[in-house]
Structures are given as C-alpha cells and as structure tokens.
Amino acid sequence: MTVERLPQFVQCPVLIGRDVELATLTRLLDATSAGVGQVGLIGGEAGIGKSRLVTELQTLAVSQGFLLDLGVCFESDRVLPYAPLIDLLRSAFAARDPQELAATLGIYASDLVGLLPELVLLWPNLPPPAPSDPEQERRRLFYALHRFLTARLLTVHAGQETPQLIVIEDLHWCDDSTLDFLLFLARQLPARPILLLLTYRNDEIHPTLAHFLAQLDRMRLGVEMTLSRFQIHETGAAIRAIFDQPRVRAEFVDALHGLTDGNPFFVEETLKALVVARHLPGTRALDAQAAARVADPAHDCRRRATPRRRHHPRGAQPVDDGSGRGSPF
C-alpha cells in the first residue's frame, strides 16, 4: 500500500494575490531607505492575510539591513494604556545596553519608568520625573518614546542612519493612548528613515481608530491598502502550492472556494479540517466529494475551520484509506 505524504503544515508557502500590495510596500521601504519616513496601513477582515503580508515585508526589510521593532495588540489591550508599545519596549531593551540607553534618553529616561517599572532595577540612581500636569506628563512620555525609538537609528553606516521598520498589528484592539502616540510619531517620520506599518480589521473599526485613520488621511501621512478575498484562480493557486502539485481538479477548487468565500485563512483551515478528520487520505483524495464533506455538520469540520488568532497548525500524520478515489491533479 502506498502512503502519500501530506504537508506537515497546511499553510500556503508562498504569497498569493498580493503583488500590488507588496509592490506598494516595497516602494515605501525604498523611500525609507532613502531617508524619507513612511506610514503604511493594511486593512482587511479577519483571516485575509494581513500578517502574512507583513511577514513578507519584514523578511525583505531585514535583508536590506533594516532594524525591526514589533508590537501586537490583543483584545484585552483596549483597557491597557500603551500595551503594544510596552511589549515592543521590553523586547528592544533586552537587545540594548542599559547604560547606553540611559545616556541616549537623557532627561527623558525617568519618563519611561511609568511604563516599565523594572527600569528602576537597571537605573537605580534615576531621578523621578519632574512634577507636572497630566497633559505635560503625556507629552513628556511621547517625547521619551519617540527618542527611544529613534535612538536605534544612531547606528551609522557610511554616514547614514540605519533605516527602521516598526510594525504594530491589530489596531482594532488598540488602546486610545497608543493611537494618540502613533499619530504623534507619524507626524515626525518624514525627517527620519522609519517605516511605520500598521494593520487592522476594517470591519471592526471603533470611533477612536476611525478618528486616527481620518487624521492620517487628512494630513496625507499614510498609504492605505485594503486586502480582498481570493478570486477562484487564487484559491486554486493556494491549493497547488500547499500540496506542491502542478494541477488541481476544477471541481475541488470550486467546492473549496464556495465553502470559504475565498478567505485565505478559511482555505487553509478547511484543508486542515479535512486532514484532521481523515477526509483527505492523500493528495489523490482532493476532489469535490471531500470538500463537500466539510459542509456536513455530522463531520464537525466547519467548527474546526473557524478562524481564531493565527497560529501554526499542527501537522497531520499521512493516512491512506485505500479508497482509490480519482486524482484531482
């Protein structure tokens, strides 16, 4: 009996249907390398491939010598001021010499202690920030955050500042204070080699985020991209790439595209659900009958394919039921 190997991860290994958006982001990267800061905005529904596109750009940026800072918003962060920035700061602090940072931040070092209390352990002789009203404290914190982020640019190569990519994902879960700072930062970027890349679900825009996006648009500070669902030929391309096959039967592509509405995450998760439920015993079982079984509540595959936060799917062991169903390839 021949056992066919299914992919270890049911995840598309190549970027599909995003050529225009990737070209736009590459232009922003090039402008940043030339010393002109940029803001990129990627919107789209859950599972549409925002993080996948960001990952592609990160790889390209690192290959060009960019510094990389990452922050992610979570649903619980809506009530936590500066939550994604705190995570970003902690990661960046771990890679820097504390005394060098203290010298770079100067009088603003003490303003970061409110966000990162553990800094007191690194800088025990740090004086407390000067007393001021809440608005002044907020502005001092903004200057401190800006100085910290731009301090990394001072690594000089051939007389130029090192360009930097700052990514904040899932702004629809972002707190209001972070959005205020990001707007402040965006205003400073044209003079610095920083690309600020922001992602959000465009069907979950709360009023503060709507105001933030409107402000960026009014000041012409951002380049916005909205990701769309796969067209049917792109769904087919994804299936071929996942299973490393030159052709897939049109009936299977039609059935899977109809079930998933062309949402890339649904495509991957539905295929994974078929594998987990052992309805894909091998690549020769990728036919319309297999895809149709996902729609049958008795097989419980639709529930398995419900998108949550993106993760690496677990691998499925290759199985062959000896059914001998016709090849879709």
C-alpha atoms as a PDB file:
ATOM      1  CA  MET A   1       0.000   0.000   0.000  1.00  0.00           C
ATOM      2  CA  THR A   2       1.397   3.403  -0.982  1.00  0.00           C
ATOM      3  CA  VAL A   3       1.159   6.146   1.633  1.00  0.00           C
ATOM      4  CA  GLU A   4       1.112   9.699   0.288  1.00  0.00           C
ATOM      5  CA  ARG A   5       2.714  12.444   2.305  1.00  0.00           C
ATOM      6  CA  LEU A   6       0.568  15.456   3.149  1.00  0.00           C
ATOM      7  CA  PRO A   7       2.213  18.780   4.089  1.00  0.00           C
ATOM      8  CA  GLN A   8       3.493  18.991   7.653  1.00  0.00           C
ATOM      9  CA  PHE A   9       1.609  22.290   7.972  1.00  0.00           C
ATOM     10  CA  VAL A  10      -1.485  23.043   5.932  1.00  0.00           C
ATOM     11  CA  GLN A  11      -0.237  26.541   5.276  1.00  0.00           C
ATOM     12  CA  CYS A  12       0.467  28.209   1.953  1.00  0.00           C
ATOM     13  CA  PRO A  13       4.248  28.509   1.488  1.00  0.00           C
ATOM     14  CA  VAL A  14       4.057  31.411  -0.973  1.00  0.00           C
ATOM     15  CA  LEU A  15       2.339  34.795  -1.058  1.00  0.00           C
ATOM     16  CA  ILE A  16      -0.642  34.705  -3.423  1.00  0.00           C
ATOM     17  CA  GLY A  17      -2.760  37.522  -4.814  1.00  0.00           C
ATOM     18  CA  ARG A  18      -0.845  40.344  -3.127  1.00  0.00           C
ATOM     19  CA  ASP A  19       1.507  41.508  -5.880  1.00  0.00           C
ATOM     20  CA  VAL A  20       0.113  45.054  -5.990  1.00  0.00           C
ATOM     21  CA  GLU A  21       0.214  45.496  -2.217  1.00  0.00           C
ATOM     22  CA  LEU A  22       3.720  44.051  -1.916  1.00  0.00           C
ATOM     23  CA  ALA A  23       4.930  46.374  -4.676  1.00  0.00           C
ATOM     24  CA  THR A  24       3.434  49.334  -2.798  1.00  0.00           C
ATOM     25  CA  LEU A  25       5.107  48.282   0.445  1.00  0.00           C
ATOM     26  CA  THR A  26       8.409  47.804  -1.367  1.00  0.00           C
ATOM     27  CA  ARG A  27       8.187  51.388  -2.636  1.00  0.00           C
ATOM     28  CA  LEU A  28       7.615  52.570   0.936  1.00  0.00           C
ATOM     29  CA  LEU A  29      10.648  50.557   2.009  1.00  0.00           C
ATOM     30  CA  ASP A  30      12.756  52.140  -0.737  1.00  0.00           C
ATOM     31  CA  ALA A  31      11.653  55.651   0.231  1.00  0.00           C
ATOM     32  CA  THR A  32      12.505  54.923   3.861  1.00  0.00           C
ATOM     33  CA  SER A  33      15.953  53.661   2.853  1.00  0.00           C
ATOM     34  CA  ALA A  34      16.444  56.988   1.085  1.00  0.00           C
ATOM     35  CA  GLY A  35      15.785  58.807   4.368  1.00  0.00           C
ATOM     36  CA  VAL A  36      12.117  59.746   3.986  1.00  0.00           C
ATOM     37  CA  GLY A  37       9.909  58.131   6.649  1.00  0.00           C
ATOM     38  CA  GLN A  38       6.634  56.490   5.656  1.00  0.00           C
ATOM     39  CA  VAL A  39       3.402  55.163   7.155  1.00  0.00           C
ATOM     40  CA  GLY A  40       1.755  52.079   5.670  1.00  0.00           C
ATOM     41  CA  LEU A  41      -1.741  50.877   6.593  1.00  0.00           C
ATOM     42  CA  ILE A  42      -3.030  47.378   5.826  1.00  0.00           C
ATOM     43  CA  GLY A  43      -6.746  46.796   6.369  1.00  0.00           C
ATOM     44  CA  GLY A  44      -8.910  43.757   5.855  1.00  0.00           C
ATOM     45  CA  GLU A  45     -11.213  41.250   7.507  1.00  0.00           C
ATOM     46  CA  ALA A  46     -10.048  38.533   9.892  1.00  0.00           C
ATOM     47  CA  GLY A  47      -8.028  35.844   8.122  1.00  0.00           C
ATOM     48  CA  ILE A  48      -7.485  37.869   4.957  1.00  0.00           C
ATOM     49  CA  GLY A  49      -3.675  37.649   5.146  1.00  0.00           C
ATOM     50  CA  LYS A  50      -2.516  40.888   6.780  1.00  0.00           C
ATOM     51  CA  SER A  51       0.068  39.163   8.972  1.00  0.00           C
ATOM     52  CA  ARG A  52       1.266  37.052   6.049  1.00  0.00           C
ATOM     53  CA  LEU A  53       1.930  40.192   4.012  1.00  0.00           C
ATOM     54  CA  VAL A  54       3.670  41.844   6.961  1.00  0.00           C
ATOM     55  CA  THR A  55       5.923  38.804   7.367  1.00  0.00           C
ATOM     56  CA  GLU A  56       6.909  39.060   3.710  1.00  0.00           C
ATOM     57  CA  LEU A  57       7.852  42.715   4.147  1.00  0.00           C
ATOM     58  CA  GLN A  58       9.768  42.017   7.359  1.00  0.00           C
ATOM     59  CA  THR A  59      11.903  39.449   5.564  1.00  0.00           C
ATOM     60  CA  LEU A  60      12.614  41.932   2.785  1.00  0.00           C
ATOM     61  CA  ALA A  61      13.395  44.736   5.245  1.00  0.00           C
ATOM     62  CA  VAL A  62      15.825  42.651   7.292  1.00  0.00           C
ATOM     63  CA  SER A  63      17.600  41.567   4.099  1.00  0.00           C
ATOM     64  CA  GLN A  64      18.140  45.272   3.357  1.00  0.00           C
ATOM     65  CA  GLY A  65      19.619  45.993   6.774  1.00  0.00           C
ATOM     66  CA  PHE A  66      16.555  47.483   8.464  1.00  0.00           C
ATOM     67  CA  LEU A  67      16.187  47.417  12.225  1.00  0.00           C
ATOM     68  CA  LEU A  68      12.926  45.753  13.237  1.00  0.00           C
ATOM     69  CA  ASP A  69      10.543  46.548  16.115  1.00  0.00           C
ATOM     70  CA  LEU A  70       7.277  44.647  16.588  1.00  0.00           C
ATOM     71  CA  GLY A  71       4.190  45.310  18.690  1.00  0.00           C
ATOM     72  CA  VAL A  72       0.905  43.399  18.692  1.00  0.00           C
ATOM     73  CA  CYS A  73      -2.458  44.430  20.156  1.00  0.00           C
ATOM     74  CA  PHE A  74      -4.710  41.859  21.815  1.00  0.00           C
ATOM     75  CA  GLU A  75      -8.416  42.052  22.556  1.00  0.00           C
ATOM     76  CA  SER A  76      -7.794  42.680  26.267  1.00  0.00           C
ATOM     77  CA  ASP A  77      -5.491  45.618  25.425  1.00  0.00           C
ATOM     78  CA  ARG A  78      -8.341  48.071  24.812  1.00  0.00           C
ATOM     79  CA  VAL A  79      -8.252  48.965  28.525  1.00  0.00           C
ATOM     80  CA  LEU A  80      -4.446  48.849  28.950  1.00  0.00           C
ATOM     81  CA  PRO A  81      -2.684  52.122  28.030  1.00  0.00           C
ATOM     82  CA  TYR A  82       0.293  51.697  25.693  1.00  0.00           C
ATOM     83  CA  ALA A  83       0.060  47.874  25.814  1.00  0.00           C
ATOM     84  CA  PRO A  84       1.638  47.123  22.381  1.00  0.00           C
ATOM     85  CA  LEU A  85       4.339  49.728  22.975  1.00  0.00           C
ATOM     86  CA  ILE A  86       5.251  48.193  26.332  1.00  0.00           C
ATOM     87  CA  ASP A  87       5.805  44.826  24.662  1.00  0.00           C
ATOM     88  CA  LEU A  88       7.857  46.496  21.945  1.00  0.00           C
ATOM     89  CA  LEU A  89       9.957  48.382  24.512  1.00  0.00           C
ATOM     90  CA  ARG A  90      10.680  45.278  26.568  1.00  0.00           C
ATOM     91  CA  SER A  91      11.930  43.430  23.513  1.00  0.00           C
ATOM     92  CA  ALA A  92      14.069  46.365  22.422  1.00  0.00           C
ATOM     93  CA  PHE A  93      15.531  46.894  25.904  1.00  0.00           C
ATOM     94  CA  ALA A  94      16.609  43.255  26.019  1.00  0.00           C
ATOM     95  CA  ALA A  95      18.829  43.862  22.991  1.00  0.00           C
ATOM     96  CA  ARG A  96      20.462  47.118  24.172  1.00  0.00           C
ATOM     97  CA  ASP A  97      22.995  48.150  26.772  1.00  0.00           C
ATOM     98  CA  PRO A  98      21.033  49.801  29.643  1.00  0.00           C
ATOM     99  CA  GLN A  99      23.652  52.458  30.353  1.00  0.00           C
ATOM    100  CA  GLU A 100      23.922  53.370  26.693  1.00  0.00           C
ATOM    101  CA  LEU A 101      20.141  53.778  26.569  1.00  0.00           C
ATOM    102  CA  ALA A 102      20.106  55.904  29.704  1.00  0.00           C
ATOM    103  CA  ALA A 103      22.686  58.213  28.161  1.00  0.00           C
ATOM    104  CA  THR A 104      20.716  58.395  24.909  1.00  0.00           C
ATOM    105  CA  LEU A 105      17.400  59.127  26.617  1.00  0.00           C
ATOM    106  CA  GLY A 106      18.927  61.744  28.895  1.00  0.00           C
ATOM    107  CA  ILE A 107      16.325  63.689  30.864  1.00  0.00           C
ATOM    108  CA  TYR A 108      13.521  61.585  29.352  1.00  0.00           C
ATOM    109  CA  ALA A 109      14.728  58.292  30.847  1.00  0.00           C
ATOM    110  CA  SER A 110      12.690  58.708  34.028  1.00  0.00           C
ATOM    111  CA  ASP A 111       9.500  59.199  31.999  1.00  0.00           C
ATOM    112  CA  LEU A 112       9.639  55.599  30.780  1.00  0.00           C
ATOM    113  CA  VAL A 113       9.624  54.172  34.313  1.00  0.00           C
ATOM    114  CA  GLY A 114       5.849  54.592  34.465  1.00  0.00           C
ATOM    115  CA  LEU A 115       5.535  52.170  31.539  1.00  0.00           C
ATOM    116  CA  LEU A 116       8.372  49.852  32.568  1.00  0.00           C
ATOM    117  CA  PRO A 117       8.785  49.839  36.370  1.00  0.00           C
ATOM    118  CA  GLU A 118      11.602  47.297  36.055  1.00  0.00           C
ATOM    119  CA  LEU A 119      13.803  50.086  34.685  1.00  0.00           C
ATOM    120  CA  VAL A 120      14.391  51.141  38.290  1.00  0.00           C
ATOM    121  CA  LEU A 121      16.442  47.957  38.672  1.00  0.00           C
ATOM    122  CA  LEU A 122      18.554  48.865  35.641  1.00  0.00           C
ATOM    123  CA  TRP A 123      18.877  52.523  36.572  1.00  0.00           C
ATOM    124  CA  PRO A 124      18.747  52.659  40.398  1.00  0.00           C
ATOM    125  CA  ASN A 125      20.010  56.251  40.523  1.00  0.00           C
ATOM    126  CA  LEU A 126      17.407  57.555  38.115  1.00  0.00           C
ATOM    127  CA  PRO A 127      15.743  60.710  39.491  1.00  0.00           C
ATOM    128  CA  PRO A 128      11.934  60.827  39.497  1.00  0.00           C
ATOM    129  CA  PRO A 129      10.306  62.812  36.692  1.00  0.00           C
ATOM    130  CA  ALA A 130       9.607  66.446  37.418  1.00  0.00           C
ATOM    131  CA  PRO A 131       6.045  67.002  38.672  1.00  0.00           C
ATOM    132  CA  SER A 132       3.705  68.393  36.028  1.00  0.00           C
ATOM    133  CA  ASP A 133       0.065  68.349  34.963  1.00  0.00           C
ATOM    134  CA  PRO A 134      -1.339  65.276  33.147  1.00  0.00           C
ATOM    135  CA  GLU A 135      -1.066  66.821  29.682  1.00  0.00           C
ATOM    136  CA  GLN A 136       2.578  67.757  30.216  1.00  0.00           C
ATOM    137  CA  GLU A 137       3.313  64.259  31.540  1.00  0.00           C
ATOM    138  CA  ARG A 138       1.695  62.794  28.452  1.00  0.00           C
ATOM    139  CA  ARG A 139       3.775  64.958  26.120  1.00  0.00           C
ATOM    140  CA  ARG A 140       6.975  64.127  28.006  1.00  0.00           C
ATOM    141  CA  LEU A 141       6.165  60.439  27.665  1.00  0.00           C
ATOM    142  CA  PHE A 142       5.590  60.886  23.926  1.00  0.00           C
ATOM    143  CA  TYR A 143       8.974  62.592  23.570  1.00  0.00           C
ATOM    144  CA  ALA A 144      10.607  59.816  25.619  1.00  0.00           C
ATOM    145  CA  LEU A 145       9.042  57.095  23.453  1.00  0.00           C
ATOM    146  CA  HIS A 146       9.999  58.937  20.284  1.00  0.00           C
ATOM    147  CA  ARG A 147      13.564  59.444  21.498  1.00  0.00           C
ATOM    148  CA  PHE A 148      13.858  55.782  22.465  1.00  0.00           C
ATOM    149  CA  LEU A 149      12.604  54.555  19.088  1.00  0.00           C
ATOM    150  CA  THR A 150      14.760  56.936  17.070  1.00  0.00           C
ATOM    151  CA  ALA A 151      17.840  56.306  19.251  1.00  0.00           C
ATOM    152  CA  ARG A 152      18.248  52.967  17.498  1.00  0.00           C
ATOM    153  CA  LEU A 153      18.799  54.841  14.249  1.00  0.00           C
ATOM    154  CA  LEU A 154      22.083  56.246  15.511  1.00  0.00           C
ATOM    155  CA  THR A 155      23.919  53.152  14.341  1.00  0.00           C
ATOM    156  CA  VAL A 156      25.620  54.771  11.399  1.00  0.00           C
ATOM    157  CA  HIS A 157      26.811  53.026   8.255  1.00  0.00           C
ATOM    158  CA  ALA A 158      28.615  55.004   5.567  1.00  0.00           C
ATOM    159  CA  GLY A 159      27.410  58.278   7.048  1.00  0.00           C
ATOM    160  CA  GLN A 160      23.724  57.328   7.015  1.00  0.00           C
ATOM    161  CA  GLU A 161      21.270  56.416   9.749  1.00  0.00           C
ATOM    162  CA  THR A 162      20.158  52.789   9.802  1.00  0.00           C
ATOM    163  CA  PRO A 163      16.566  52.524   8.496  1.00  0.00           C
ATOM    164  CA  GLN A 164      13.943  51.040  10.780  1.00  0.00           C
ATOM    165  CA  LEU A 165      10.667  49.132  10.348  1.00  0.00           C
ATOM    166  CA  ILE A 166       8.162  49.474  13.202  1.00  0.00           C
ATOM    167  CA  VAL A 167       5.152  47.152  12.969  1.00  0.00           C
ATOM    168  CA  ILE A 168       2.047  47.409  15.152  1.00  0.00           C
ATOM    169  CA  GLU A 169      -0.545  44.739  14.361  1.00  0.00           C
ATOM    170  CA  ASP A 170      -4.290  44.588  15.086  1.00  0.00           C
ATOM    171  CA  LEU A 171      -5.007  48.273  15.742  1.00  0.00           C
ATOM    172  CA  HIS A 172      -8.726  47.457  16.080  1.00  0.00           C
ATOM    173  CA  TRP A 173      -7.782  46.204  19.592  1.00  0.00           C
ATOM    174  CA  CYS A 174      -5.518  49.144  20.320  1.00  0.00           C
ATOM    175  CA  ASP A 175      -5.984  51.447  23.309  1.00  0.00           C
ATOM    176  CA  ASP A 176      -6.604  55.157  22.802  1.00  0.00           C
ATOM    177  CA  SER A 177      -3.274  56.262  24.335  1.00  0.00           C
ATOM    178  CA  THR A 178      -1.263  54.184  21.876  1.00  0.00           C
ATOM    179  CA  LEU A 179      -3.224  55.618  18.949  1.00  0.00           C
ATOM    180  CA  ASP A 180      -2.507  59.138  20.207  1.00  0.00           C
ATOM    181  CA  PHE A 181       1.212  58.370  20.335  1.00  0.00           C
ATOM    182  CA  LEU A 182       1.231  56.714  16.909  1.00  0.00           C
ATOM    183  CA  LEU A 183      -0.329  59.849  15.432  1.00  0.00           C
ATOM    184  CA  PHE A 184       2.357  61.923  17.176  1.00  0.00           C
ATOM    185  CA  LEU A 185       5.045  59.587  15.806  1.00  0.00           C
ATOM    186  CA  ALA A 186       3.623  59.666  12.279  1.00  0.00           C
ATOM    187  CA  ARG A 187       3.985  63.451  12.232  1.00  0.00           C
ATOM    188  CA  GLN A 188       7.708  63.139  12.982  1.00  0.00           C
ATOM    189  CA  LEU A 189       8.509  60.463  10.401  1.00  0.00           C
ATOM    190  CA  PRO A 190       9.124  62.396   7.169  1.00  0.00           C
ATOM    191  CA  ALA A 191      12.514  63.524   8.503  1.00  0.00           C
ATOM    192  CA  ARG A 192      13.626  60.070   9.744  1.00  0.00           C
ATOM    193  CA  PRO A 193      14.272  56.754   7.955  1.00  0.00           C
ATOM    194  CA  ILE A 194      11.413  54.928   9.690  1.00  0.00           C
ATOM    195  CA  LEU A 195       8.623  52.909   8.086  1.00  0.00           C
ATOM    196  CA  LEU A 196       5.660  52.600  10.444  1.00  0.00           C
ATOM    197  CA  LEU A 197       3.446  49.709   9.338  1.00  0.00           C
ATOM    198  CA  LEU A 198       0.013  49.297  10.932  1.00  0.00           C
ATOM    199  CA  THR A 199      -2.616  46.588  10.427  1.00  0.00           C
ATOM    200  CA  TYR A 200      -6.275  46.471  11.427  1.00  0.00           C
ATOM    201  CA  ARG A 201      -9.582  44.789  10.663  1.00  0.00           C
ATOM    202  CA  ASN A 202     -11.567  47.224   8.573  1.00  0.00           C
ATOM    203  CA  ASP A 203     -14.867  45.703   9.721  1.00  0.00           C
ATOM    204  CA  GLU A 204     -14.059  46.308  13.422  1.00  0.00           C
ATOM    205  CA  ILE A 205     -13.130  50.000  13.421  1.00  0.00           C
ATOM    206  CA  HIS A 206     -14.102  51.700  16.682  1.00  0.00           C
ATOM    207  CA  PRO A 207     -14.608  55.512  16.852  1.00  0.00           C
ATOM    208  CA  THR A 208     -11.105  56.304  18.150  1.00  0.00           C
ATOM    209  CA  LEU A 209      -9.479  54.243  15.410  1.00  0.00           C
ATOM    210  CA  ALA A 210     -11.754  55.865  12.822  1.00  0.00           C
ATOM    211  CA  HIS A 211     -10.600  59.290  14.045  1.00  0.00           C
ATOM    212  CA  PHE A 212      -6.957  58.164  13.934  1.00  0.00           C
ATOM    213  CA  LEU A 213      -7.294  56.945  10.342  1.00  0.00           C
ATOM    214  CA  ALA A 214      -9.117  60.118   9.331  1.00  0.00           C
ATOM    215  CA  GLN A 215      -6.340  62.252  10.820  1.00  0.00           C
ATOM    216  CA  LEU A 216      -3.665  60.361   8.914  1.00  0.00           C
ATOM    217  CA  ASP A 217      -5.685  60.740   5.730  1.00  0.00           C
ATOM    218  CA  ARG A 218      -6.285  64.452   6.315  1.00  0.00           C
ATOM    219  CA  MET A 219      -2.565  65.076   6.836  1.00  0.00           C
ATOM    220  CA  ARG A 220      -1.690  62.732   3.947  1.00  0.00           C
ATOM    221  CA  LEU A 221       0.660  60.795   6.171  1.00  0.00           C
ATOM    222  CA  GLY A 222      -0.324  57.234   5.308  1.00  0.00           C
ATOM    223  CA  VAL A 223      -0.590  54.915   2.314  1.00  0.00           C
ATOM    224  CA  GLU A 224      -3.590  52.647   2.848  1.00  0.00           C
ATOM    225  CA  MET A 225      -4.094  49.181   1.362  1.00  0.00           C
ATOM    226  CA  THR A 226      -7.212  47.035   1.727  1.00  0.00           C
ATOM    227  CA  LEU A 227      -6.783  43.304   1.179  1.00  0.00           C
ATOM    228  CA  SER A 228      -9.516  41.446  -0.676  1.00  0.00           C
ATOM    229  CA  ARG A 229     -10.511  37.789  -0.673  1.00  0.00           C
ATOM    230  CA  PHE A 230      -9.018  35.325  -3.106  1.00  0.00           C
ATOM    231  CA  GLN A 231     -10.527  35.043  -6.535  1.00  0.00           C
ATOM    232  CA  ILE A 232     -11.217  31.462  -7.541  1.00  0.00           C
ATOM    233  CA  HIS A 233      -7.975  31.103  -9.519  1.00  0.00           C
ATOM    234  CA  GLU A 234      -6.043  32.325  -6.459  1.00  0.00           C
ATOM    235  CA  THR A 235      -7.745  29.715  -4.282  1.00  0.00           C
ATOM    236  CA  GLY A 236      -6.589  27.136  -6.814  1.00  0.00           C
ATOM    237  CA  ALA A 237      -3.058  28.536  -6.727  1.00  0.00           C
ATOM    238  CA  ALA A 238      -3.029  28.272  -2.928  1.00  0.00           C
ATOM    239  CA  ILE A 239      -4.127  24.614  -3.019  1.00  0.00           C
ATOM    240  CA  ARG A 240      -1.474  23.780  -5.608  1.00  0.00           C
ATOM    241  CA  ALA A 241       1.218  25.492  -3.527  1.00  0.00           C
ATOM    242  CA  ILE A 242       0.152  23.811  -0.277  1.00  0.00           C
ATOM    243  CA  PHE A 243       0.190  20.337  -1.800  1.00  0.00           C
ATOM    244  CA  ASP A 244       3.053  21.060  -4.215  1.00  0.00           C
ATOM    245  CA  GLN A 245       1.039  19.877  -7.211  1.00  0.00           C
ATOM    246  CA  PRO A 246       1.024  21.365 -10.742  1.00  0.00           C
ATOM    247  CA  ARG A 247      -2.743  20.932 -11.208  1.00  0.00           C
ATOM    248  CA  VAL A 248      -5.880  20.557  -9.090  1.00  0.00           C
ATOM    249  CA  ARG A 249      -9.292  19.458 -10.324  1.00  0.00           C
ATOM    250  CA  ALA A 250     -11.589  22.390 -11.005  1.00  0.00           C
ATOM    251  CA  GLU A 251     -14.445  20.714  -9.103  1.00  0.00           C
ATOM    252  CA  PHE A 252     -12.360  20.613  -5.922  1.00  0.00           C
ATOM    253  CA  VAL A 253     -11.296  24.254  -6.309  1.00  0.00           C
ATOM    254  CA  ASP A 254     -14.910  25.307  -6.959  1.00  0.00           C
ATOM    255  CA  ALA A 255     -16.177  23.450  -3.902  1.00  0.00           C
ATOM    256  CA  LEU A 256     -13.470  24.756  -1.573  1.00  0.00           C
ATOM    257  CA  HIS A 257     -13.771  28.315  -2.863  1.00  0.00           C
ATOM    258  CA  GLY A 258     -17.524  28.199  -2.333  1.00  0.00           C
ATOM    259  CA  LEU A 259     -17.133  26.922   1.220  1.00  0.00           C
ATOM    260  CA  THR A 260     -14.514  29.509   2.209  1.00  0.00           C
ATOM    261  CA  ASP A 261     -15.656  32.529   0.169  1.00  0.00           C
ATOM    262  CA  GLY A 262     -12.005  32.969  -0.810  1.00  0.00           C
ATOM    263  CA  ASN A 263     -10.826  33.876   2.694  1.00  0.00           C
ATOM    264  CA  PRO A 264      -7.175  32.666   2.785  1.00  0.00           C
ATOM    265  CA  PHE A 265      -7.316  31.559   6.421  1.00  0.00           C
ATOM    266  CA  PHE A 266     -10.552  29.640   5.810  1.00  0.00           C
ATOM    267  CA  VAL A 267      -8.926  27.944   2.815  1.00  0.00           C
ATOM    268  CA  GLU A 268      -6.028  26.717   4.962  1.00  0.00           C
ATOM    269  CA  GLU A 269      -8.174  25.804   7.957  1.00  0.00           C
ATOM    270  CA  THR A 270     -10.743  23.940   5.847  1.00  0.00           C
ATOM    271  CA  LEU A 271      -7.989  21.887   4.248  1.00  0.00           C
ATOM    272  CA  LYS A 272      -6.564  21.237   7.706  1.00  0.00           C
ATOM    273  CA  ALA A 273     -10.006  20.212   8.967  1.00  0.00           C
ATOM    274  CA  LEU A 274     -10.269  17.705   6.128  1.00  0.00           C
ATOM    275  CA  VAL A 275      -6.853  16.295   7.013  1.00  0.00           C
ATOM    276  CA  VAL A 276      -7.577  16.117  10.748  1.00  0.00           C
ATOM    277  CA  ALA A 277     -10.941  14.436  10.107  1.00  0.00           C
ATOM    278  CA  ARG A 278      -9.179  11.983   7.758  1.00  0.00           C
ATOM    279  CA  HIS A 279     -11.238  13.030   4.778  1.00  0.00           C
ATOM    280  CA  LEU A 280      -8.014  13.665   2.841  1.00  0.00           C
ATOM    281  CA  PRO A 281      -6.167  10.356   2.981  1.00  0.00           C
ATOM    282  CA  GLY A 282      -3.715  11.653   0.407  1.00  0.00           C
ATOM    283  CA  THR A 283      -3.425  14.113  -2.438  1.00  0.00           C
ATOM    284  CA  ARG A 284      -5.452  11.856  -4.725  1.00  0.00           C
ATOM    285  CA  ALA A 285      -8.462  12.402  -2.425  1.00  0.00           C
ATOM    286  CA  LEU A 286      -8.715  16.142  -3.174  1.00  0.00           C
ATOM    287  CA  ASP A 287     -11.996  16.008  -5.041  1.00  0.00           C
ATOM    288  CA  ALA A 288     -15.359  17.733  -4.786  1.00  0.00           C
ATOM    289  CA  GLN A 289     -16.720  14.941  -2.596  1.00  0.00           C
ATOM    290  CA  ALA A 290     -14.027  15.551   0.028  1.00  0.00           C
ATOM    291  CA  ALA A 291     -14.603  19.307   0.039  1.00  0.00           C
ATOM    292  CA  ALA A 292     -18.368  18.864   0.276  1.00  0.00           C
ATOM    293  CA  ARG A 293     -17.986  16.799   3.439  1.00  0.00           C
ATOM    294  CA  VAL A 294     -16.730  19.912   5.249  1.00  0.00           C
ATOM    295  CA  ALA A 295     -20.198  21.403   4.858  1.00  0.00           C
ATOM    296  CA  ASP A 296     -21.795  18.366   6.503  1.00  0.00           C
ATOM    297  CA  PRO A 297     -22.374  19.183  10.219  1.00  0.00           C
ATOM    298  CA  ALA A 298     -22.013  15.496  11.053  1.00  0.00           C
ATOM    299  CA  HIS A 299     -18.302  15.698  10.246  1.00  0.00           C
ATOM    300  CA  ASP A 300     -17.702  18.736  12.510  1.00  0.00           C
ATOM    301  CA  CYS A 301     -15.132  20.167  10.107  1.00  0.00           C
ATOM    302  CA  ARG A 302     -16.661  23.625   9.787  1.00  0.00           C
ATOM    303  CA  ARG A 303     -16.194  24.199  13.500  1.00  0.00           C
ATOM    304  CA  ARG A 304     -12.561  23.157  13.237  1.00  0.00           C
ATOM    305  CA  ALA A 305     -12.042  25.681  10.449  1.00  0.00           C
ATOM    306  CA  THR A 306     -13.395  28.646  12.443  1.00  0.00           C
ATOM    307  CA  PRO A 307     -10.613  31.264  12.436  1.00  0.00           C
ATOM    308  CA  ARG A 308      -9.079  32.359  15.724  1.00  0.00           C
ATOM    309  CA  ARG A 309      -5.767  34.163  16.134  1.00  0.00           C
ATOM    310  CA  ARG A 310      -3.360  32.870  13.540  1.00  0.00           C
ATOM    311  CA  HIS A 311      -1.136  30.047  14.673  1.00  0.00           C
ATOM    312  CA  HIS A 312       0.948  27.330  13.096  1.00  0.00           C
ATOM    313  CA  PRO A 313      -1.408  24.384  12.533  1.00  0.00           C
ATOM    314  CA  ARG A 314      -0.263  21.068  13.879  1.00  0.00           C
ATOM    315  CA  GLY A 315       0.950  18.540  11.365  1.00  0.00           C
ATOM    316  CA  ALA A 316      -1.227  15.593  10.454  1.00  0.00           C
ATOM    317  CA  GLN A 317       0.112  12.085  10.002  1.00  0.00           C
ATOM    318  CA  PRO A 318      -0.221  10.780   6.436  1.00  0.00           C
ATOM    319  CA  VAL A 319      -3.141   8.386   6.116  1.00  0.00           C
ATOM    320  CA  ASP A 320      -4.323   6.230   3.255  1.00  0.00           C
ATOM    321  CA  ASP A 321      -7.734   4.590   3.442  1.00  0.00           C
ATOM    322  CA  GLY A 322      -7.250   2.768   0.154  1.00  0.00           C
ATOM    323  CA  SER A 323     -10.353   4.378  -1.286  1.00  0.00           C
ATOM    324  CA  GLY A 324      -8.816   4.779  -4.719  1.00  0.00           C
ATOM    325  CA  ARG A 325     -10.776   7.967  -5.408  1.00  0.00           C
ATOM    326  CA  GLY A 326      -9.763   9.754  -8.588  1.00  0.00           C
ATOM    327  CA  SER A 327      -6.854  12.197  -8.558  1.00  0.00           C
ATOM    328  CA  PRO A 328      -7.669  15.921  -8.619  1.00  0.00           C
ATOM    329  CA  PHE A 329      -4.298  16.648 -10.230  1.00  0.00           C
END
